Every structure is written in C-alpha cells, then in structure tokens.
Amino acid sequence: MFFHLCQSCFNPESTSASTWKQRRLKFLKSMRDDLETRLAAINAAIETIERQNSQEEI
C-alpha cells in the first residue's frame, strides 16, 4: 500500500491540532487496514499448506 507523504501532512505546526489528529488517525487506520489484509493473506496461505500437508500424510 502506498501512502502519500508530504511535509505538511506530518508537521503538526502547519495545521490546527484537530486537523493534525484527524490526519494522523486516518493514516493509522489505513496502516491497520493494510496490515489486517496482509495478515488475512498469510493466514490463508498457512491454512492451505497445512491442509496440503495433512492430505499427503493420508
């Protein structure tokens, strides 16, 4: 996932405190969403390999 990083986006002195907090919250939530997506993909891959391994043992 790509995050647009700019000087004013991460400089709390260039915006009001409220605006800064909203931007930070939005950024952190999008990071969390990205990590949740990646974790779901990893879990699916693990389940697939475990299922394949158990079928080979039969």
PDB file of N, CA and C in Angstrom:
ATOM      1  N   MET A   1       0.861  -1.181   0.000  1.00  0.00           N
ATOM      2  CA  MET A   1       0.000   0.000   0.000  1.00  0.00           C
ATOM      3  C   MET A   1       0.897   1.231   0.000  1.00  0.00           C
ATOM      4  N   PHE A   2       0.507   2.218  -0.753  1.00  0.00           N
ATOM      5  CA  PHE A   2       1.293   3.440  -0.876  1.00  0.00           C
ATOM      6  C   PHE A   2       0.649   4.558  -0.073  1.00  0.00           C
ATOM      7  N   PHE A   3       1.451   5.219   0.714  1.00  0.00           N
ATOM      8  CA  PHE A   3       0.971   6.358   1.490  1.00  0.00           C
ATOM      9  C   PHE A   3       1.640   7.619   0.957  1.00  0.00           C
ATOM     10  N   HIS A   4       0.825   8.605   0.643  1.00  0.00           N
ATOM     11  CA  HIS A   4       1.372   9.870   0.166  1.00  0.00           C
ATOM     12  C   HIS A   4       1.935  10.627   1.362  1.00  0.00           C
ATOM     13  N   LEU A   5       3.215  10.842   1.352  1.00  0.00           N
ATOM     14  CA  LEU A   5       3.873  11.542   2.453  1.00  0.00           C
ATOM     15  C   LEU A   5       4.303  12.925   1.985  1.00  0.00           C
ATOM     16  N   CYS A   6       3.916  13.920   2.705  1.00  0.00           N
ATOM     17  CA  CYS A   6       4.324  15.277   2.363  1.00  0.00           C
ATOM     18  C   CYS A   6       4.715  16.010   3.643  1.00  0.00           C
ATOM     19  N   GLN A   7       5.434  17.078   3.484  1.00  0.00           N
ATOM     20  CA  GLN A   7       5.930  17.838   4.630  1.00  0.00           C
ATOM     21  C   GLN A   7       4.788  18.342   5.505  1.00  0.00           C
ATOM     22  N   SER A   8       3.763  18.908   4.903  1.00  0.00           N
ATOM     23  CA  SER A   8       2.686  19.489   5.704  1.00  0.00           C
ATOM     24  C   SER A   8       1.806  18.427   6.353  1.00  0.00           C
ATOM     25  N   CYS A   9       1.758  17.225   5.769  1.00  0.00           N
ATOM     26  CA  CYS A   9       0.921  16.157   6.341  1.00  0.00           C
ATOM     27  C   CYS A   9       1.439  15.689   7.692  1.00  0.00           C
ATOM     28  N   PHE A  10       2.735  15.762   7.903  1.00  0.00           N
ATOM     29  CA  PHE A  10       3.310  15.248   9.127  1.00  0.00           C
ATOM     30  C   PHE A  10       3.985  16.327   9.964  1.00  0.00           C
ATOM     31  N   ASN A  11       3.575  17.542   9.761  1.00  0.00           N
ATOM     32  CA  ASN A  11       4.100  18.651  10.541  1.00  0.00           C
ATOM     33  C   ASN A  11       2.952  19.258  11.335  1.00  0.00           C
ATOM     34  N   PRO A  12       2.826  18.893  12.610  1.00  0.00           N
ATOM     35  CA  PRO A  12       1.682  19.374  13.389  1.00  0.00           C
ATOM     36  C   PRO A  12       1.635  20.884  13.534  1.00  0.00           C
ATOM     37  N   GLU A  13       2.750  21.562  13.343  1.00  0.00           N
ATOM     38  CA  GLU A  13       2.767  23.016  13.492  1.00  0.00           C
ATOM     39  C   GLU A  13       2.154  23.724  12.287  1.00  0.00           C
ATOM     40  N   SER A  14       2.025  23.026  11.158  1.00  0.00           N
ATOM     41  CA  SER A  14       1.499  23.672   9.951  1.00  0.00           C
ATOM     42  C   SER A  14      -0.022  23.616   9.874  1.00  0.00           C
ATOM     43  N   THR A  15      -0.653  22.864  10.755  1.00  0.00           N
ATOM     44  CA  THR A  15      -2.108  22.755  10.753  1.00  0.00           C
ATOM     45  C   THR A  15      -2.632  22.869  12.181  1.00  0.00           C
ATOM     46  N   SER A  16      -3.940  22.979  12.300  1.00  0.00           N
ATOM     47  CA  SER A  16      -4.525  23.021  13.633  1.00  0.00           C
ATOM     48  C   SER A  16      -4.375  21.651  14.290  1.00  0.00           C
ATOM     49  N   ALA A  17      -4.433  21.629  15.597  1.00  0.00           N
ATOM     50  CA  ALA A  17      -4.276  20.377  16.335  1.00  0.00           C
ATOM     51  C   ALA A  17      -5.350  19.372  15.936  1.00  0.00           C
ATOM     52  N   SER A  18      -6.562  19.841  15.751  1.00  0.00           N
ATOM     53  CA  SER A  18      -7.661  18.960  15.380  1.00  0.00           C
ATOM     54  C   SER A  18      -7.432  18.334  14.000  1.00  0.00           C
ATOM     55  N   THR A  19      -7.021  19.159  13.042  1.00  0.00           N
ATOM     56  CA  THR A  19      -6.746  18.661  11.696  1.00  0.00           C
ATOM     57  C   THR A  19      -5.599  17.660  11.725  1.00  0.00           C
ATOM     58  N   TRP A  20      -4.575  17.967  12.475  1.00  0.00           N
ATOM     59  CA  TRP A  20      -3.420  17.085  12.602  1.00  0.00           C
ATOM     60  C   TRP A  20      -3.840  15.725  13.173  1.00  0.00           C
ATOM     61  N   LYS A  21      -4.675  15.743  14.206  1.00  0.00           N
ATOM     62  CA  LYS A  21      -5.124  14.489  14.816  1.00  0.00           C
ATOM     63  C   LYS A  21      -5.972  13.679  13.840  1.00  0.00           C
ATOM     64  N   GLN A  22      -6.818  14.352  13.073  1.00  0.00           N
ATOM     65  CA  GLN A  22      -7.654  13.654  12.092  1.00  0.00           C
ATOM     66  C   GLN A  22      -6.792  13.010  11.007  1.00  0.00           C
ATOM     67  N   ARG A  23      -5.797  13.721  10.532  1.00  0.00           N
ATOM     68  CA  ARG A  23      -4.901  13.164   9.512  1.00  0.00           C
ATOM     69  C   ARG A  23      -4.133  11.975  10.067  1.00  0.00           C
ATOM     70  N   ARG A  24      -3.649  12.117  11.284  1.00  0.00           N
ATOM     71  CA  ARG A  24      -2.889  11.025  11.905  1.00  0.00           C
ATOM     72  C   ARG A  24      -3.788   9.804  12.102  1.00  0.00           C
ATOM     73  N   LEU A  25      -5.013  10.018  12.556  1.00  0.00           N
ATOM     74  CA  LEU A  25      -5.954   8.930  12.759  1.00  0.00           C
ATOM     75  C   LEU A  25      -6.250   8.221  11.438  1.00  0.00           C
ATOM     76  N   LYS A  26      -6.472   8.987  10.384  1.00  0.00           N
ATOM     77  CA  LYS A  26      -6.744   8.405   9.074  1.00  0.00           C
ATOM     78  C   LYS A  26      -5.551   7.577   8.594  1.00  0.00           C
ATOM     79  N   PHE A  27      -4.352   8.103   8.781  1.00  0.00           N
ATOM     80  CA  PHE A  27      -3.132   7.405   8.385  1.00  0.00           C
ATOM     81  C   PHE A  27      -2.977   6.099   9.164  1.00  0.00           C
ATOM     82  N   LEU A  28      -3.162   6.131  10.467  1.00  0.00           N
ATOM     83  CA  LEU A  28      -3.014   4.936  11.288  1.00  0.00           C
ATOM     84  C   LEU A  28      -4.071   3.886  10.954  1.00  0.00           C
ATOM     85  N   LYS A  29      -5.297   4.326  10.681  1.00  0.00           N
ATOM     86  CA  LYS A  29      -6.340   3.373  10.316  1.00  0.00           C
ATOM     87  C   LYS A  29      -6.041   2.703   8.978  1.00  0.00           C
ATOM     88  N   SER A  30      -5.520   3.467   8.026  1.00  0.00           N
ATOM     89  CA  SER A  30      -5.188   2.850   6.748  1.00  0.00           C
ATOM     90  C   SER A  30      -4.011   1.889   6.893  1.00  0.00           C
ATOM     91  N   MET A  31      -3.075   2.202   7.771  1.00  0.00           N
ATOM     92  CA  MET A  31      -1.986   1.257   8.049  1.00  0.00           C
ATOM     93  C   MET A  31      -2.547  -0.021   8.669  1.00  0.00           C
ATOM     94  N   ARG A  32      -3.471   0.128   9.618  1.00  0.00           N
ATOM     95  CA  ARG A  32      -4.079  -1.033  10.267  1.00  0.00           C
ATOM     96  C   ARG A  32      -4.823  -1.885   9.252  1.00  0.00           C
ATOM     97  N   ASP A  33      -5.585  -1.246   8.377  1.00  0.00           N
ATOM     98  CA  ASP A  33      -6.339  -1.979   7.361  1.00  0.00           C
ATOM     99  C   ASP A  33      -5.405  -2.763   6.447  1.00  0.00           C
ATOM    100  N   ASP A  34      -4.294  -2.146   6.073  1.00  0.00           N
ATOM    101  CA  ASP A  34      -3.309  -2.811   5.230  1.00  0.00           C
ATOM    102  C   ASP A  34      -2.731  -4.026   5.948  1.00  0.00           C
ATOM    103  N   LEU A  35      -2.395  -3.855   7.220  1.00  0.00           N
ATOM    104  CA  LEU A  35      -1.835  -4.974   7.981  1.00  0.00           C
ATOM    105  C   LEU A  35      -2.843  -6.104   8.167  1.00  0.00           C
ATOM    106  N   GLU A  36      -4.114  -5.745   8.374  1.00  0.00           N
ATOM    107  CA  GLU A  36      -5.152  -6.773   8.504  1.00  0.00           C
ATOM    108  C   GLU A  36      -5.293  -7.556   7.205  1.00  0.00           C
ATOM    109  N   THR A  37      -5.204  -6.883   6.078  1.00  0.00           N
ATOM    110  CA  THR A  37      -5.295  -7.546   4.780  1.00  0.00           C
ATOM    111  C   THR A  37      -4.119  -8.499   4.586  1.00  0.00           C
ATOM    112  N   ARG A  38      -2.937  -8.030   4.922  1.00  0.00           N
ATOM    113  CA  ARG A  38      -1.746  -8.873   4.794  1.00  0.00           C
ATOM    114  C   ARG A  38      -1.821 -10.082   5.718  1.00  0.00           C
ATOM    115  N   LEU A  39      -2.283  -9.871   6.948  1.00  0.00           N
ATOM    116  CA  LEU A  39      -2.410 -10.968   7.905  1.00  0.00           C
ATOM    117  C   LEU A  39      -3.417 -12.004   7.415  1.00  0.00           C
ATOM    118  N   ALA A  40      -4.518 -11.567   6.852  1.00  0.00           N
ATOM    119  CA  ALA A  40      -5.513 -12.496   6.311  1.00  0.00           C
ATOM    120  C   ALA A  40      -4.912 -13.340   5.191  1.00  0.00           C
ATOM    121  N   ALA A  41      -4.123 -12.728   4.342  1.00  0.00           N
ATOM    122  CA  ALA A  41      -3.483 -13.467   3.248  1.00  0.00           C
ATOM    123  C   ALA A  41      -2.482 -14.481   3.791  1.00  0.00           C
ATOM    124  N   ILE A  42      -1.714 -14.094   4.798  1.00  0.00           N
ATOM    125  CA  ILE A  42      -0.743 -15.010   5.403  1.00  0.00           C
ATOM    126  C   ILE A  42      -1.461 -16.182   6.070  1.00  0.00           C
ATOM    127  N   ASN A  43      -2.528 -15.884   6.795  1.00  0.00           N
ATOM    128  CA  ASN A  43      -3.294 -16.950   7.445  1.00  0.00           C
ATOM    129  C   ASN A  43      -3.874 -17.920   6.421  1.00  0.00           C
ATOM    130  N   ALA A  44      -4.358 -17.412   5.309  1.00  0.00           N
ATOM    131  CA  ALA A  44      -4.903 -18.268   4.257  1.00  0.00           C
ATOM    132  C   ALA A  44      -3.807 -19.151   3.666  1.00  0.00           C
ATOM    133  N   ALA A  45      -2.638 -18.606   3.460  1.00  0.00           N
ATOM    134  CA  ALA A  45      -1.525 -19.390   2.921  1.00  0.00           C
ATOM    135  C   ALA A  45      -1.114 -20.491   3.897  1.00  0.00           C
ATOM    136  N   ILE A  46      -1.063 -20.170   5.176  1.00  0.00           N
ATOM    137  CA  ILE A  46      -0.717 -21.163   6.195  1.00  0.00           C
ATOM    138  C   ILE A  46      -1.752 -22.286   6.214  1.00  0.00           C
ATOM    139  N   GLU A  47      -3.026 -21.935   6.189  1.00  0.00           N
ATOM    140  CA  GLU A  47      -4.084 -22.942   6.189  1.00  0.00           C
ATOM    141  C   GLU A  47      -3.993 -23.848   4.964  1.00  0.00           C
ATOM    142  N   THR A  48      -3.691 -23.264   3.813  1.00  0.00           N
ATOM    143  CA  THR A  48      -3.567 -24.051   2.586  1.00  0.00           C
ATOM    144  C   THR A  48      -2.431 -25.057   2.702  1.00  0.00           C
ATOM    145  N   ILE A  49      -1.291 -24.611   3.179  1.00  0.00           N
ATOM    146  CA  ILE A  49      -0.134 -25.509   3.311  1.00  0.00           C
ATOM    147  C   ILE A  49      -0.406 -26.591   4.354  1.00  0.00           C
ATOM    148  N   GLU A  50      -1.023 -26.222   5.465  1.00  0.00           N
ATOM    149  CA  GLU A  50      -1.358 -27.216   6.484  1.00  0.00           C
ATOM    150  C   GLU A  50      -2.330 -28.256   5.933  1.00  0.00           C
ATOM    151  N   ARG A  51      -3.313 -27.817   5.156  1.00  0.00           N
ATOM    152  CA  ARG A  51      -4.283 -28.737   4.559  1.00  0.00           C
ATOM    153  C   ARG A  51      -3.588 -29.670   3.573  1.00  0.00           C
ATOM    154  N   GLN A  52      -2.684 -29.132   2.773  1.00  0.00           N
ATOM    155  CA  GLN A  52      -1.946 -29.953   1.817  1.00  0.00           C
ATOM    156  C   GLN A  52      -1.079 -30.968   2.543  1.00  0.00           C
ATOM    157  N   ASN A  53      -0.422 -30.543   3.627  1.00  0.00           N
ATOM    158  CA  ASN A  53       0.414 -31.461   4.391  1.00  0.00           C
ATOM    159  C   ASN A  53      -0.406 -32.588   5.004  1.00  0.00           C
ATOM    160  N   SER A  54      -1.570 -32.279   5.513  1.00  0.00           N
ATOM    161  CA  SER A  54      -2.391 -33.318   6.134  1.00  0.00           C
ATOM    162  C   SER A  54      -2.940 -34.286   5.081  1.00  0.00           C
ATOM    163  N   GLN A  55      -3.185 -33.828   3.866  1.00  0.00           N
ATOM    164  CA  GLN A  55      -3.644 -34.719   2.799  1.00  0.00           C
ATOM    165  C   GLN A  55      -2.537 -35.640   2.336  1.00  0.00           C
ATOM    166  N   GLU A  56      -1.280 -35.180   2.365  1.00  0.00           N
ATOM    167  CA  GLU A  56      -0.153 -36.002   1.956  1.00  0.00           C
ATOM    168  C   GLU A  56       0.123 -37.116   2.972  1.00  0.00           C
ATOM    169  N   GLU A  57      -0.220 -36.890   4.223  1.00  0.00           N
ATOM    170  CA  GLU A  57       0.040 -37.865   5.275  1.00  0.00           C
ATOM    171  C   GLU A  57      -0.932 -39.036   5.229  1.00  0.00           C
ATOM    172  N   ILE A  58      -2.050 -38.856   4.541  1.00  0.00           N
ATOM    173  CA  ILE A  58      -3.075 -39.916   4.488  1.00  0.00           C
ATOM    174  C   ILE A  58      -2.683 -41.006   3.531  1.00  0.00           C
TER     175      ILE A  58
END
